[in-house]
């Protein structure tokens, strides 16, 4: 089966690595408008070959879109002339706008998915072997996908050993706003607040593990996350407001020297890790 991957960064490159473990089952073809990424993908053995022309990728039986969310919408519109036995799978981090913008004539050809994994790094060199193993793969609005396309997607997701769950796109976006998108906004805010108060010498000397952990995802690509914030704007604003309310509660307890209530507030936050562990 010829698998086309449009976008050879962290997600696309890691997908190529995962699928190349099945050389008798999949032939991996990469496409990226960045010539440097094309060369790196070949040198790093992320794909079997590169297609230079976008039209050629339409020949692939399955086409993955591992590109920024706005680019996913634009690219799907350019794929309207593909045969009806093809499958398009997008890995966008926001789903509702993507799902609703797919042209009706090819809607059943598309499986909208979101792998809940990744790092703050980007580009082919960021690719990780085993990135998808045991990670959640959210498949959204499955009733809008054709049976052939959904079955192909599920088989591939099983091969890369992802854990599949099904969810509506609107539901996904609200949850993602709280669990993924808002924490990115907070990380950017932490980085900017420190940069505006401290010089680089103090940051290097005093920044411990806590600050590094909290600010790590502020290294994520602004190009990608600007698009995500735009597409999931309403849910993200709700999540940021919820976060602001908790921060105000914390600030008020400190102002009032209400250490007992502050301690209880912290204990309540500790229970999150009972769920995660």
Protein backbone atom coordinates (compact mmCIF):
# COMPACT_ATOMS: atom_id res chain seq x y z
CA UNK A 1 0.00 0.00 0.00
CA UNK A 2 1.38 3.41 -0.97
CA UNK A 3 1.13 5.81 1.96
CA UNK A 4 1.60 9.50 1.22
CA UNK A 5 2.62 11.84 4.04
CA UNK A 6 2.18 15.55 3.41
CA UNK A 7 4.32 17.37 5.95
CA UNK A 8 7.58 15.81 7.14
CA UNK A 9 8.01 17.42 10.53
CA UNK A 10 7.70 15.78 13.96
CA UNK A 11 4.32 14.15 13.36
CA UNK A 12 4.82 13.16 9.73
CA UNK A 13 8.40 12.01 10.18
CA UNK A 14 7.52 9.95 13.26
CA UNK A 15 4.62 8.41 11.35
CA UNK A 16 7.00 7.45 8.56
CA UNK A 17 9.32 5.78 11.07
CA UNK A 18 6.42 3.84 12.58
CA UNK A 19 5.12 2.62 9.21
CA UNK A 20 8.56 1.70 7.87
CA UNK A 21 8.56 -1.14 10.39
CA UNK A 22 6.22 -2.86 7.90
CA UNK A 23 8.27 -2.82 4.67
CA UNK A 24 6.19 -5.61 3.12
CA UNK A 25 2.95 -3.81 3.88
CA UNK A 26 3.58 -0.09 3.33
CA UNK A 27 5.61 2.02 0.91
CA UNK A 28 6.08 5.49 2.39
CA UNK A 29 6.11 8.52 0.12
CA UNK A 30 6.79 11.97 1.52
CA UNK A 31 5.84 15.41 0.27
CA UNK A 32 6.91 18.72 1.78
CA UNK A 33 7.17 22.16 0.18
CA UNK A 34 10.40 22.69 2.17
CA UNK A 35 13.31 21.31 0.10
CA UNK A 36 15.50 21.00 3.19
CA UNK A 37 12.85 18.87 4.88
CA UNK A 38 12.69 16.65 1.81
CA UNK A 39 16.43 15.98 1.94
CA UNK A 40 16.44 15.43 5.71
CA UNK A 41 13.54 12.98 5.49
CA UNK A 42 15.47 10.83 3.03
CA UNK A 43 18.76 11.06 4.97
CA UNK A 44 17.00 10.14 8.22
CA UNK A 45 15.19 7.25 6.50
CA UNK A 46 11.78 8.60 7.46
CA UNK A 47 10.29 7.81 4.05
CA UNK A 48 11.08 5.50 1.13
CA UNK A 49 10.92 8.26 -1.46
CA UNK A 50 9.92 11.88 -2.04
CA UNK A 51 7.37 13.19 -4.50
CA UNK A 52 8.31 16.67 -5.67
CA UNK A 53 4.95 17.43 -7.29
CA UNK A 54 1.76 17.73 -5.26
CA UNK A 55 -0.28 16.12 -8.04
CA UNK A 56 1.74 12.92 -7.70
CA UNK A 57 0.77 12.42 -4.06
CA UNK A 58 -2.83 11.96 -5.20
CA UNK A 59 -1.80 8.55 -6.56
CA UNK A 60 -1.30 7.22 -3.02
CA UNK A 61 -3.97 4.94 -1.58
CA UNK A 62 -3.81 6.72 1.78
CA UNK A 63 -2.78 10.35 2.25
CA UNK A 64 -1.86 11.69 5.68
CA UNK A 65 -1.98 15.43 6.36
CA UNK A 66 0.53 16.19 9.13
CA UNK A 67 0.66 19.95 8.58
CA UNK A 68 -0.71 23.03 10.42
CA UNK A 69 -4.49 23.12 10.80
CA UNK A 70 -5.15 25.97 8.36
CA UNK A 71 -2.98 24.22 5.76
CA UNK A 72 -5.02 21.02 6.29
CA UNK A 73 -8.20 22.80 5.20
CA UNK A 74 -6.50 24.30 2.14
CA UNK A 75 -4.92 20.99 1.17
CA UNK A 76 -8.11 18.95 1.48
CA UNK A 77 -9.75 21.36 -0.95
CA UNK A 78 -6.93 20.64 -3.41
CA UNK A 79 -7.65 16.90 -3.16
CA UNK A 80 -11.26 17.03 -4.39
CA UNK A 81 -10.41 15.24 -7.63
CA UNK A 82 -8.92 12.09 -6.08
CA UNK A 83 -10.58 8.71 -6.80
CA UNK A 84 -13.32 7.55 -4.43
CA UNK A 85 -11.26 4.61 -3.19
CA UNK A 86 -8.64 6.91 -1.63
CA UNK A 87 -8.37 7.74 2.06
CA UNK A 88 -7.33 11.07 3.55
CA UNK A 89 -6.38 11.20 7.23
CA UNK A 90 -5.64 14.50 8.94
CA UNK A 91 -3.74 14.88 12.22
CA UNK A 92 -4.88 18.42 13.10
CA UNK A 93 -4.93 19.48 16.75
CA UNK A 94 -8.33 21.16 16.37
CA UNK A 95 -11.09 19.21 14.67
CA UNK A 96 -14.44 20.97 14.37
CA UNK A 97 -13.47 23.60 11.80
CA UNK A 98 -11.57 21.01 9.76
CA UNK A 99 -14.43 18.50 9.85
CA UNK A 100 -17.04 21.08 8.91
CA UNK A 101 -14.98 22.60 6.10
CA UNK A 102 -14.42 19.37 4.14
CA UNK A 103 -16.22 19.55 0.77
CA UNK A 104 -19.30 17.34 0.73
CA UNK A 105 -18.21 15.52 -2.43
CA UNK A 106 -15.19 14.01 -0.65
CA UNK A 107 -16.37 14.03 2.99
CA UNK A 108 -16.59 10.26 3.21
CA UNK A 109 -12.99 9.98 2.00
CA UNK A 110 -11.67 11.84 5.04
CA UNK A 111 -10.94 10.54 8.54
CA UNK A 112 -10.34 13.36 11.00
CA UNK A 113 -7.98 12.27 13.77
CA UNK A 114 -5.79 13.77 16.47
CA UNK A 115 -2.90 11.84 18.03
CA UNK A 116 -2.50 13.05 21.62
CA UNK A 117 1.28 13.08 21.53
CA UNK A 118 4.14 15.29 20.45
CA UNK A 119 6.94 17.52 21.70
CA UNK A 120 7.84 21.18 21.46
CA UNK A 121 10.33 20.40 18.67
CA UNK A 122 9.57 20.51 14.96
CA UNK A 123 11.06 19.54 11.60
CA UNK A 124 12.23 16.11 10.34
CA UNK A 125 15.09 15.97 12.85
CA UNK A 126 12.51 16.07 15.68
CA UNK A 127 11.01 12.73 14.56
CA UNK A 128 10.80 10.08 17.27
CA UNK A 129 10.68 6.33 16.88
CA UNK A 130 7.65 5.07 18.83
CA UNK A 131 5.99 8.50 19.17
CA UNK A 132 2.52 7.01 18.66
CA UNK A 133 2.96 3.79 20.63
CA UNK A 134 0.39 3.51 23.45
CA UNK A 135 -0.75 7.11 22.85
CA UNK A 136 -4.39 8.12 22.41
CA UNK A 137 -5.58 8.55 18.83
CA UNK A 138 -8.86 10.48 18.82
CA UNK A 139 -11.01 9.77 15.75
CA UNK A 140 -13.69 12.43 15.34
CA UNK A 141 -17.05 12.38 13.56
CA UNK A 142 -16.53 8.80 12.39
CA UNK A 143 -20.10 8.64 11.09
CA UNK A 144 -19.10 11.13 8.38
CA UNK A 145 -16.29 8.89 7.08
CA UNK A 146 -16.82 6.04 4.65
CA UNK A 147 -16.59 2.48 5.95
CA UNK A 148 -13.62 1.73 3.67
CA UNK A 149 -11.76 4.82 4.81
CA UNK A 150 -12.47 4.33 8.50
CA UNK A 151 -11.38 0.69 8.39
CA UNK A 152 -8.11 1.58 6.66
CA UNK A 153 -7.38 4.29 9.20
CA UNK A 154 -8.09 1.97 12.13
CA UNK A 155 -5.82 -0.74 10.71
CA UNK A 156 -2.97 1.76 10.35
CA UNK A 157 -3.54 3.17 13.84
CA UNK A 158 -3.46 -0.36 15.22
CA UNK A 159 -0.21 -1.04 13.38
CA UNK A 160 1.47 1.98 14.95
CA UNK A 161 0.02 0.74 18.27
CA UNK A 162 -2.03 3.82 19.07
CA UNK A 163 -5.02 3.59 21.42
CA UNK A 164 -8.12 4.59 19.48
CA UNK A 165 -11.05 6.47 20.98
CA UNK A 166 -14.03 8.01 19.15
CA UNK A 167 -15.43 11.44 19.86
CA UNK A 168 -17.40 14.22 18.22
CA UNK A 169 -15.28 17.06 16.82
CA UNK A 170 -16.98 19.71 18.97
CA UNK A 171 -16.49 17.64 22.11
CA UNK A 172 -12.84 17.03 21.20
CA UNK A 173 -12.14 20.72 20.72
CA UNK A 174 -13.56 21.71 24.11
CA UNK A 175 -11.51 19.05 25.90
CA UNK A 176 -8.37 19.87 23.88
CA UNK A 177 -8.73 23.55 24.79
CA UNK A 178 -8.39 22.71 28.51
CA UNK A 179 -5.89 19.85 28.31
CA UNK A 180 -3.62 21.01 25.47
CA UNK A 181 -4.31 24.45 24.01
CA UNK A 182 -4.69 26.48 27.23
CA UNK A 183 -1.50 24.98 28.76
CA UNK A 184 0.38 26.15 25.65
CA UNK A 185 -1.01 29.66 26.14
CA UNK A 186 0.04 29.56 29.81
CA UNK A 187 3.53 28.37 28.89
CA UNK A 188 3.95 31.23 26.40
CA UNK A 189 2.70 33.64 29.09
CA UNK A 190 5.16 32.29 31.68
CA UNK A 191 8.05 32.63 29.24
CA UNK A 192 7.10 36.21 28.32
CA UNK A 193 6.50 37.30 31.92
CA UNK A 194 9.94 36.05 32.98
CA UNK A 195 11.68 37.51 29.94
CA UNK A 196 10.18 40.94 30.72
CA UNK A 197 11.34 40.84 34.37
CA UNK A 198 14.65 39.01 34.38
CA UNK A 199 17.84 39.33 32.38
CA UNK A 200 19.27 36.31 30.60
CA UNK A 201 22.07 35.86 33.16
CA UNK A 202 19.62 35.41 36.03
CA UNK A 203 17.39 33.12 34.01
CA UNK A 204 20.32 30.81 33.22
CA UNK A 205 21.63 30.89 36.79
CA UNK A 206 18.40 30.45 38.70
CA UNK A 207 15.93 28.63 36.44
CA UNK A 208 15.34 25.21 37.97
CA UNK A 209 13.46 22.14 36.85
CA UNK A 210 10.05 23.63 37.63
CA UNK A 211 10.52 26.65 35.39
CA UNK A 212 12.04 24.56 32.63
CA UNK A 213 9.09 22.14 32.74
CA UNK A 214 6.48 24.90 32.77
CA UNK A 215 8.11 26.88 29.96
CA UNK A 216 9.22 23.94 27.77
CA UNK A 217 6.27 24.00 25.39
CA UNK A 218 6.76 27.74 24.84
CA UNK A 219 9.40 26.56 22.36
CA UNK A 220 6.61 25.16 20.16
CA UNK A 221 6.18 26.56 16.66
CA UNK A 222 4.28 29.90 16.68
CA UNK A 223 3.15 29.23 13.10
CA UNK A 224 1.41 26.03 14.13
CA UNK A 225 -0.05 27.26 17.42
CA UNK A 226 -1.35 30.56 16.07
CA UNK A 227 -3.48 28.52 13.65
CA UNK A 228 -4.71 26.21 16.43
CA UNK A 229 -5.61 29.13 18.69
CA UNK A 230 -7.51 30.77 15.82
CA UNK A 231 -9.47 27.64 14.94
CA UNK A 232 -10.38 26.82 18.53
CA UNK A 233 -10.78 30.43 19.68
CA UNK A 234 -14.05 30.19 21.63
CA UNK A 235 -13.11 27.06 23.57
CA UNK A 236 -9.64 28.43 24.27
CA UNK A 237 -11.04 31.68 25.65
CA UNK A 238 -13.28 29.68 28.00
CA UNK A 239 -10.29 27.62 29.17
CA UNK A 240 -8.12 30.71 29.72
CA UNK A 241 -10.92 32.33 31.74
CA UNK A 242 -11.21 29.21 33.93
CA UNK A 243 -7.45 29.31 34.50
CA UNK A 244 -7.56 33.04 35.31
CA UNK A 245 -10.27 32.43 37.90
CA UNK A 246 -8.11 29.83 39.66
CA UNK A 247 -5.12 32.19 39.59
CA UNK A 248 -7.29 34.95 41.13
CA UNK A 249 -8.34 32.54 43.90
CA UNK A 250 -4.68 31.79 44.59
CA UNK A 251 -3.76 35.51 44.56
CA UNK A 252 -6.59 36.40 46.97
CA UNK A 253 -5.60 33.69 49.48
CA UNK A 254 -2.00 34.92 49.45
CA UNK A 255 -3.13 38.54 49.86
CA UNK A 256 -5.33 37.53 52.81
CA UNK A 257 -2.61 35.30 54.28
CA UNK A 258 -5.18 32.52 54.26
CA UNK A 259 -2.60 29.76 54.31
CA UNK A 260 -5.00 27.04 55.47
CA UNK A 261 -7.27 27.59 52.45
CA UNK A 262 -4.24 27.84 50.17
CA UNK A 263 -2.99 24.50 51.47
CA UNK A 264 -6.38 22.89 50.80
CA UNK A 265 -6.46 24.44 47.31
CA UNK A 266 -3.07 22.87 46.58
CA UNK A 267 -4.24 19.50 47.91
CA UNK A 268 -7.18 19.59 45.53
CA UNK A 269 -4.76 20.21 42.66
CA UNK A 270 -2.68 17.23 43.78
CA UNK A 271 -5.58 14.89 43.02
CA UNK A 272 -4.99 15.43 39.27
CA UNK A 273 -2.02 13.11 39.44
CA UNK A 274 -4.11 10.36 40.99
CA UNK A 275 -5.97 10.36 37.66
CA UNK A 276 -2.86 10.62 35.48
CA UNK A 277 -0.81 7.94 37.29
